[in-house]
Protein backbone atom coordinates (compact mmCIF):
# COMPACT_ATOMS: atom_id res chain seq x y z
CA UNK A 1 -26.18 64.08 35.06
CA UNK A 2 -22.63 64.21 34.78
CA UNK A 3 -20.76 66.85 33.00
CA UNK A 4 -20.25 64.73 30.06
CA UNK A 5 -23.90 64.35 29.23
CA UNK A 6 -24.99 67.90 30.17
CA UNK A 7 -26.39 68.86 26.68
CA UNK A 8 -29.37 66.03 27.04
CA UNK A 9 -32.37 67.36 28.77
CA UNK A 10 -33.67 65.86 32.14
CA UNK A 11 -36.75 64.28 30.20
CA UNK A 12 -34.47 62.96 27.82
CA UNK A 13 -31.98 61.65 30.46
CA UNK A 14 -34.72 59.68 32.08
CA UNK A 15 -35.56 57.92 28.89
CA UNK A 16 -32.38 57.06 27.72
CA UNK A 17 -31.57 55.80 31.38
CA UNK A 18 -34.76 53.48 31.46
CA UNK A 19 -33.74 52.26 27.89
CA UNK A 20 -30.25 51.49 28.77
CA UNK A 21 -31.25 49.87 31.89
CA UNK A 22 -33.49 47.45 30.26
CA UNK A 23 -30.93 46.81 27.72
CA UNK A 24 -28.13 45.84 30.23
CA UNK A 25 -30.88 43.44 31.86
CA UNK A 26 -31.55 41.68 28.72
CA UNK A 27 -27.95 42.07 27.38
CA UNK A 28 -28.79 44.22 24.05
CA UNK A 29 -26.56 47.31 24.73
CA UNK A 30 -24.89 47.10 21.50
CA UNK A 31 -27.45 46.01 19.33
CA UNK A 32 -29.91 48.87 20.79
CA UNK A 33 -27.24 51.25 19.95
CA UNK A 34 -26.72 50.26 16.64
CA UNK A 35 -30.59 50.61 15.94
CA UNK A 36 -30.73 53.95 17.53
CA UNK A 37 -27.94 55.14 15.05
CA UNK A 38 -30.09 53.56 12.29
CA UNK A 39 -32.99 55.65 13.31
CA UNK A 40 -30.92 58.71 14.09
CA UNK A 41 -29.21 58.48 10.57
CA UNK A 42 -32.71 58.16 9.05
CA UNK A 43 -34.10 61.42 10.84
CA UNK A 44 -31.05 63.24 9.72
CA UNK A 45 -31.55 62.29 6.39
CA UNK A 46 -35.11 62.54 5.78
CA UNK A 47 -36.97 66.04 5.99
CA UNK A 48 -40.52 64.25 6.39
CA UNK A 49 -39.03 62.16 9.05
CA UNK A 50 -37.73 65.03 10.80
CA UNK A 51 -41.01 66.93 10.80
CA UNK A 52 -42.95 63.63 11.84
CA UNK A 53 -40.45 63.48 14.95
CA UNK A 54 -40.26 67.19 15.74
CA UNK A 55 -43.81 68.67 14.97
CA UNK A 56 -46.70 68.41 17.38
CA UNK A 57 -49.40 68.36 14.38
CA UNK A 58 -49.10 64.95 14.30
CA UNK A 59 -50.93 62.89 16.67
CA UNK A 60 -49.51 60.01 18.62
CA UNK A 61 -51.34 57.59 16.68
CA UNK A 62 -49.98 58.62 13.35
CA UNK A 63 -46.48 59.03 14.51
CA UNK A 64 -46.84 55.58 16.19
CA UNK A 65 -48.25 54.16 12.60
CA UNK A 66 -45.33 55.65 10.67
CA UNK A 67 -42.61 54.37 13.26
CA UNK A 68 -43.89 50.84 12.80
CA UNK A 69 -43.57 50.86 9.41
CA UNK A 70 -40.15 52.50 9.46
CA UNK A 71 -39.11 50.06 12.26
CA UNK A 72 -40.23 46.97 10.16
CA UNK A 73 -38.34 48.70 6.82
CA UNK A 74 -35.43 49.36 8.58
CA UNK A 75 -35.02 46.30 10.33
CA UNK A 76 -35.06 47.51 13.98
CA UNK A 77 -35.17 45.26 17.03
CA UNK A 78 -37.95 44.60 19.36
CA UNK A 79 -36.53 46.77 22.08
CA UNK A 80 -35.90 49.88 19.90
CA UNK A 81 -38.99 49.75 18.23
CA UNK A 82 -41.23 49.43 21.66
CA UNK A 83 -39.04 52.11 23.09
CA UNK A 84 -39.89 54.46 19.76
CA UNK A 85 -43.45 53.54 20.11
CA UNK A 86 -43.45 54.40 23.92
CA UNK A 87 -41.85 57.75 23.05
CA UNK A 88 -44.58 58.65 20.32
CA UNK A 89 -47.32 57.21 22.85
CA UNK A 90 -46.19 59.84 25.31
CA UNK A 91 -45.87 62.76 23.29
CA UNK A 92 -42.11 62.77 23.52
CA UNK A 93 -40.86 62.30 20.30
CA UNK A 94 -39.92 65.74 19.78
CA UNK A 95 -36.65 64.93 22.22
CA UNK A 96 -35.82 61.57 20.64
CA UNK A 97 -32.29 63.08 19.17
CA UNK A 98 -31.43 63.78 22.80
CA UNK A 99 -32.75 60.51 24.20
CA UNK A 100 -30.35 58.67 21.53
CA UNK A 101 -27.81 61.04 22.83
CA UNK A 102 -28.15 60.17 26.26
CA UNK A 103 -28.28 56.27 25.46
CA UNK A 104 -24.69 56.64 23.57
CA UNK A 105 -23.28 58.41 26.29
CA UNK A 106 -24.29 55.62 28.60
CA UNK A 107 -23.29 53.01 26.20
CA UNK A 108 -19.93 54.54 25.74
CA UNK A 109 -19.25 54.76 29.84
CA UNK A 110 -20.50 51.11 30.00
CA UNK A 111 -17.93 49.87 27.45
CA UNK A 112 -15.16 52.38 29.16
CA UNK A 113 -14.96 54.72 26.27
CA UNK A 114 -15.41 58.49 26.06
CA UNK A 115 -17.44 59.95 23.23
CA UNK A 116 -16.21 62.94 21.33
CA UNK A 117 -18.75 64.74 18.72
CA UNK A 118 -16.95 66.23 15.93
CA UNK A 119 -18.93 68.82 13.56
CA UNK A 120 -17.26 69.85 10.58
CA UNK A 121 -18.03 71.88 7.55
CA UNK A 122 -17.71 68.59 5.17
CA UNK A 123 -17.38 65.15 5.88
CA UNK A 124 -13.99 64.36 7.06
CA UNK A 125 -11.90 61.48 5.24
CA UNK A 126 -11.25 58.24 7.09
CA UNK A 127 -7.59 59.24 7.54
CA UNK A 128 -8.81 62.53 9.15
CA UNK A 129 -10.97 60.67 11.22
CA UNK A 130 -8.15 58.32 12.37
CA UNK A 131 -5.56 61.07 13.14
CA UNK A 132 -8.45 62.69 14.95
CA UNK A 133 -9.21 59.56 16.93
CA UNK A 134 -5.38 59.06 17.76
CA UNK A 135 -4.82 62.54 19.20
CA UNK A 136 -8.04 62.48 21.14
CA UNK A 137 -6.94 58.83 22.71
CA UNK A 138 -3.56 60.41 23.48
CA UNK A 139 -5.18 63.34 25.14
CA UNK A 140 -7.48 61.39 27.34
CA UNK A 141 -5.75 57.69 27.85
CA UNK A 142 -9.12 56.41 26.95
CA UNK A 143 -10.91 54.51 23.95
CA UNK A 144 -12.64 57.22 21.86
CA UNK A 145 -15.72 57.11 20.10
CA UNK A 146 -16.49 59.60 17.55
CA UNK A 147 -19.67 60.76 16.39
CA UNK A 148 -19.22 63.20 13.32
CA UNK A 149 -21.90 65.37 12.00
CA UNK A 150 -21.66 67.92 9.32
CA UNK A 151 -22.56 71.78 9.32
CA UNK A 152 -21.62 73.40 6.25
CA UNK A 153 -22.42 76.91 7.86
CA UNK A 154 -19.01 76.53 10.03
CA UNK A 155 -17.20 77.09 6.43
CA UNK A 156 -14.20 75.32 7.39
CA UNK A 157 -12.45 74.22 10.35
CA UNK A 158 -13.99 71.90 13.33
CA UNK A 159 -15.72 71.76 16.55
CA UNK A 160 -14.59 69.06 19.00
CA UNK A 161 -16.58 68.32 21.95
CA UNK A 162 -15.13 65.86 24.50
CA UNK A 163 -16.90 65.51 27.77
CA UNK A 164 -17.61 69.19 29.08
CA UNK A 165 -14.83 70.58 26.83
CA UNK A 166 -15.52 72.40 23.43
CA UNK A 167 -12.85 73.20 21.19
CA UNK A 168 -14.36 75.48 18.41
CA UNK A 169 -11.75 76.22 15.48
CA UNK A 170 -14.47 76.92 12.77
CA UNK A 171 -13.91 79.81 10.54
CA UNK A 172 -17.47 80.95 11.17
CA UNK A 173 -16.58 81.56 14.92
CA UNK A 174 -13.45 83.08 13.66
CA UNK A 175 -15.37 85.47 11.45
CA UNK A 176 -17.95 86.23 14.14
CA UNK A 177 -15.02 87.16 16.92
CA UNK A 178 -13.71 89.31 14.10
CA UNK A 179 -16.68 91.22 13.31
CA UNK A 180 -17.43 92.08 17.14
CA UNK A 181 -13.88 93.14 17.53
CA UNK A 182 -14.34 95.33 14.32
CA UNK A 183 -17.53 96.66 16.02
CA UNK A 184 -15.73 97.67 19.09
CA UNK A 185 -13.08 99.57 17.34
CA UNK A 186 -15.57 101.44 14.97
């Protein structure tokens, strides 16, 4: 595991690596990544799907049935659908978001890109994303692929993860630091 992919567990790494190797072999790296991004978005947007993915209460058969229907409705490709079925069958669906992160990392490296994760309190505008991409490209001399997430608890500011580096300018972190400093004084 390299430092850029250190947030992904060893189990998720193995599954991501296996899927990536297959995707390279059959030349479907980009389409599998697009399918995984679609699935990741569906999980992020649906409380019921998050529960299905994360909860050990559902049997593997229940998860597989639901994933088959979802894959067909979302138009996911054969390789991605088979991968999700295997993950559910092996009772590892709870780690699928980490597997997707591991796959994205490998696909980005395969294309010579560097992945950056941006977490903001509100969705960023296209102009902000463009400015941020250009700033990161200038700092790294590489093509930067942004993955944006929203976390309203940040209140404001950003958290930027680029490789093993993290820059946290969120108001939440600043307020927590102030709170700790005030406790030390008082």
